[in-house]
Amino acid sequence: MAKTTGKLHRRILRTVAGESGATFIEYALLAGLVGIIVAIAVATFSGKMKEFFGNITTKTDDASKAVQSADIKPK
């Protein structure tokens, strides 16, 4: 039993101190970098996106009003 416990202990230490710890840190840094890039993009393009979707809303409303006011009579 003592041999098994020692092997398990060494295996856990290798896992914690080995490459899996470095890989986790690399992924965490990459995720943080992506988050920063997304935040910058949102701050930069938010005005243009608001204008773009505002124009779509206006055109959709205009088209809806034109359809509602159209004088269509069935044959």
N, C-alpha and C. Protein backbone atom coordinates (compact mmCIF):
# COMPACT_ATOMS: atom_id res chain seq x y z
N MET A 1 0.82 -1.19 0.00
CA MET A 1 0.00 0.00 0.00
C MET A 1 0.87 1.26 0.00
N ALA A 2 1.97 1.22 0.72
CA ALA A 2 2.85 2.38 0.80
C ALA A 2 3.46 2.69 -0.55
N LYS A 3 3.78 1.64 -1.35
CA LYS A 3 4.33 1.86 -2.68
C LYS A 3 3.31 2.57 -3.57
N THR A 4 2.06 2.14 -3.51
CA THR A 4 1.01 2.74 -4.33
C THR A 4 0.81 4.20 -3.95
N THR A 5 0.83 4.50 -2.67
CA THR A 5 0.64 5.88 -2.21
C THR A 5 1.80 6.75 -2.69
N GLY A 6 3.01 6.24 -2.65
CA GLY A 6 4.18 6.99 -3.11
C GLY A 6 4.11 7.27 -4.60
N LYS A 7 3.70 6.27 -5.38
CA LYS A 7 3.57 6.46 -6.83
C LYS A 7 2.50 7.49 -7.14
N LEU A 8 1.41 7.40 -6.44
CA LEU A 8 0.31 8.35 -6.65
C LEU A 8 0.76 9.76 -6.30
N HIS A 9 1.48 9.89 -5.19
CA HIS A 9 1.97 11.20 -4.76
C HIS A 9 2.92 11.79 -5.81
N ARG A 10 3.85 10.98 -6.33
CA ARG A 10 4.77 11.47 -7.36
C ARG A 10 4.03 11.84 -8.64
N ARG A 11 3.03 11.06 -8.97
CA ARG A 11 2.25 11.33 -10.18
C ARG A 11 1.50 12.67 -10.06
N ILE A 12 0.93 12.91 -8.89
CA ILE A 12 0.22 14.17 -8.65
C ILE A 12 1.21 15.34 -8.72
N LEU A 13 2.37 15.20 -8.11
CA LEU A 13 3.37 16.27 -8.15
C LEU A 13 3.82 16.55 -9.58
N ARG A 14 4.03 15.51 -10.38
CA ARG A 14 4.43 15.69 -11.77
C ARG A 14 3.34 16.41 -12.56
N THR A 15 2.10 16.08 -12.29
CA THR A 15 0.99 16.71 -13.01
C THR A 15 0.88 18.18 -12.65
N VAL A 16 0.99 18.50 -11.36
CA VAL A 16 0.86 19.88 -10.92
C VAL A 16 2.04 20.72 -11.37
N ALA A 17 3.24 20.20 -11.24
CA ALA A 17 4.43 20.96 -11.54
C ALA A 17 4.89 20.80 -12.99
N GLY A 18 4.26 19.93 -13.72
CA GLY A 18 4.70 19.64 -15.07
C GLY A 18 4.16 20.59 -16.10
N GLU A 19 4.06 20.11 -17.34
CA GLU A 19 3.64 20.95 -18.45
C GLU A 19 2.17 21.31 -18.40
N SER A 20 1.35 20.54 -17.72
CA SER A 20 -0.07 20.89 -17.69
C SER A 20 -0.29 22.21 -16.98
N GLY A 21 0.52 22.55 -16.01
CA GLY A 21 0.42 23.84 -15.35
C GLY A 21 0.80 24.97 -16.30
N ALA A 22 1.87 24.76 -17.07
CA ALA A 22 2.28 25.77 -18.05
C ALA A 22 1.22 25.93 -19.13
N THR A 23 0.64 24.84 -19.56
CA THR A 23 -0.39 24.91 -20.59
C THR A 23 -1.59 25.70 -20.10
N PHE A 24 -1.99 25.49 -18.87
CA PHE A 24 -3.11 26.23 -18.29
C PHE A 24 -2.81 27.73 -18.28
N ILE A 25 -1.62 28.08 -17.88
CA ILE A 25 -1.24 29.50 -17.84
C ILE A 25 -1.23 30.09 -19.24
N GLU A 26 -0.74 29.35 -20.21
CA GLU A 26 -0.73 29.83 -21.60
C GLU A 26 -2.15 30.07 -22.10
N TYR A 27 -3.05 29.15 -21.83
CA TYR A 27 -4.44 29.33 -22.25
C TYR A 27 -5.10 30.50 -21.52
N ALA A 28 -4.79 30.68 -20.25
CA ALA A 28 -5.35 31.79 -19.49
C ALA A 28 -4.86 33.12 -20.06
N LEU A 29 -3.58 33.21 -20.40
CA LEU A 29 -3.04 34.43 -21.00
C LEU A 29 -3.68 34.69 -22.36
N LEU A 30 -3.85 33.64 -23.14
CA LEU A 30 -4.48 33.78 -24.45
C LEU A 30 -5.93 34.25 -24.32
N ALA A 31 -6.66 33.68 -23.37
CA ALA A 31 -8.05 34.10 -23.15
C ALA A 31 -8.11 35.56 -22.69
N GLY A 32 -7.18 35.97 -21.85
CA GLY A 32 -7.13 37.36 -21.43
C GLY A 32 -6.83 38.30 -22.58
N LEU A 33 -5.93 37.90 -23.45
CA LEU A 33 -5.59 38.72 -24.62
C LEU A 33 -6.78 38.85 -25.57
N VAL A 34 -7.48 37.76 -25.79
CA VAL A 34 -8.68 37.80 -26.63
C VAL A 34 -9.73 38.72 -26.01
N GLY A 35 -9.90 38.65 -24.70
CA GLY A 35 -10.85 39.53 -24.01
C GLY A 35 -10.49 41.00 -24.17
N ILE A 36 -9.22 41.32 -24.09
CA ILE A 36 -8.79 42.71 -24.26
C ILE A 36 -9.05 43.17 -25.69
N ILE A 37 -8.76 42.32 -26.67
CA ILE A 37 -8.99 42.67 -28.08
C ILE A 37 -10.48 42.90 -28.34
N VAL A 38 -11.32 42.04 -27.79
CA VAL A 38 -12.77 42.20 -27.97
C VAL A 38 -13.24 43.51 -27.33
N ALA A 39 -12.73 43.83 -26.16
CA ALA A 39 -13.12 45.08 -25.48
C ALA A 39 -12.71 46.30 -26.30
N ILE A 40 -11.52 46.26 -26.87
CA ILE A 40 -11.06 47.37 -27.71
C ILE A 40 -11.92 47.49 -28.96
N ALA A 41 -12.24 46.36 -29.58
CA ALA A 41 -13.07 46.38 -30.79
C ALA A 41 -14.46 46.94 -30.50
N VAL A 42 -15.04 46.54 -29.39
CA VAL A 42 -16.37 47.04 -29.03
C VAL A 42 -16.32 48.54 -28.78
N ALA A 43 -15.30 49.00 -28.08
CA ALA A 43 -15.18 50.43 -27.80
C ALA A 43 -14.96 51.23 -29.08
N THR A 44 -14.23 50.65 -30.02
CA THR A 44 -13.91 51.35 -31.27
C THR A 44 -15.10 51.40 -32.21
N PHE A 45 -15.80 50.29 -32.36
CA PHE A 45 -16.83 50.19 -33.38
C PHE A 45 -18.26 50.33 -32.86
N SER A 46 -18.44 50.61 -31.59
CA SER A 46 -19.80 50.64 -31.04
C SER A 46 -20.64 51.75 -31.67
N GLY A 47 -20.06 52.91 -31.92
CA GLY A 47 -20.81 54.01 -32.54
C GLY A 47 -21.26 53.66 -33.95
N LYS A 48 -20.37 53.06 -34.72
CA LYS A 48 -20.71 52.67 -36.10
C LYS A 48 -21.78 51.58 -36.10
N MET A 49 -21.69 50.64 -35.18
CA MET A 49 -22.68 49.56 -35.13
C MET A 49 -24.05 50.11 -34.73
N LYS A 50 -24.06 51.07 -33.78
CA LYS A 50 -25.33 51.67 -33.36
C LYS A 50 -25.97 52.41 -34.53
N GLU A 51 -25.16 53.13 -35.30
CA GLU A 51 -25.66 53.85 -36.47
C GLU A 51 -26.18 52.87 -37.53
N PHE A 52 -25.44 51.80 -37.75
CA PHE A 52 -25.82 50.79 -38.74
C PHE A 52 -27.18 50.17 -38.41
N PHE A 53 -27.34 49.71 -37.17
CA PHE A 53 -28.60 49.09 -36.78
C PHE A 53 -29.73 50.11 -36.66
N GLY A 54 -29.40 51.35 -36.32
CA GLY A 54 -30.41 52.40 -36.30
C GLY A 54 -30.97 52.65 -37.70
N ASN A 55 -30.08 52.65 -38.71
CA ASN A 55 -30.53 52.82 -40.09
C ASN A 55 -31.43 51.66 -40.53
N ILE A 56 -31.08 50.45 -40.13
CA ILE A 56 -31.92 49.29 -40.48
C ILE A 56 -33.29 49.43 -39.84
N THR A 57 -33.33 49.86 -38.58
CA THR A 57 -34.60 50.03 -37.88
C THR A 57 -35.46 51.09 -38.58
N THR A 58 -34.85 52.19 -38.96
CA THR A 58 -35.58 53.27 -39.63
C THR A 58 -36.16 52.78 -40.96
N LYS A 59 -35.35 52.09 -41.74
CA LYS A 59 -35.82 51.60 -43.04
C LYS A 59 -36.92 50.55 -42.89
N THR A 60 -36.81 49.71 -41.88
CA THR A 60 -37.84 48.71 -41.64
C THR A 60 -39.15 49.37 -41.22
N ASP A 61 -39.06 50.37 -40.37
CA ASP A 61 -40.27 51.11 -39.95
C ASP A 61 -40.92 51.81 -41.14
N ASP A 62 -40.10 52.44 -41.99
CA ASP A 62 -40.63 53.12 -43.18
C ASP A 62 -41.34 52.13 -44.10
N ALA A 63 -40.74 50.97 -44.31
CA ALA A 63 -41.35 49.96 -45.18
C ALA A 63 -42.65 49.45 -44.57
N SER A 64 -42.68 49.26 -43.27
CA SER A 64 -43.88 48.79 -42.59
C SER A 64 -45.01 49.81 -42.73
N LYS A 65 -44.71 51.08 -42.55
CA LYS A 65 -45.73 52.13 -42.68
C LYS A 65 -46.25 52.22 -44.12
N ALA A 66 -45.34 52.05 -45.10
CA ALA A 66 -45.76 52.09 -46.50
C ALA A 66 -46.71 50.94 -46.83
N VAL A 67 -46.45 49.78 -46.30
CA VAL A 67 -47.30 48.61 -46.53
C VAL A 67 -48.65 48.83 -45.86
N GLN A 68 -48.65 49.36 -44.65
CA GLN A 68 -49.91 49.58 -43.93
C GLN A 68 -50.77 50.65 -44.59
N SER A 69 -50.14 51.63 -45.19
CA SER A 69 -50.92 52.71 -45.81
C SER A 69 -51.26 52.43 -47.27
N ALA A 70 -50.79 51.33 -47.81
CA ALA A 70 -51.06 51.02 -49.21
C ALA A 70 -52.54 50.69 -49.40
N ASP A 71 -53.08 51.15 -50.50
CA ASP A 71 -54.50 50.90 -50.79
C ASP A 71 -54.58 49.71 -51.74
N ILE A 72 -54.64 48.54 -51.16
CA ILE A 72 -54.67 47.30 -51.95
C ILE A 72 -56.09 46.73 -51.88
N LYS A 73 -56.68 46.53 -53.05
CA LYS A 73 -58.03 45.97 -53.12
C LYS A 73 -57.99 44.62 -53.81
N PRO A 74 -58.65 43.65 -53.23
CA PRO A 74 -58.67 42.34 -53.87
C PRO A 74 -59.47 42.38 -55.18
N LYS A 75 -59.14 41.53 -56.11
CA LYS A 75 -59.82 41.48 -57.40
C LYS A 75 -61.15 40.75 -57.29
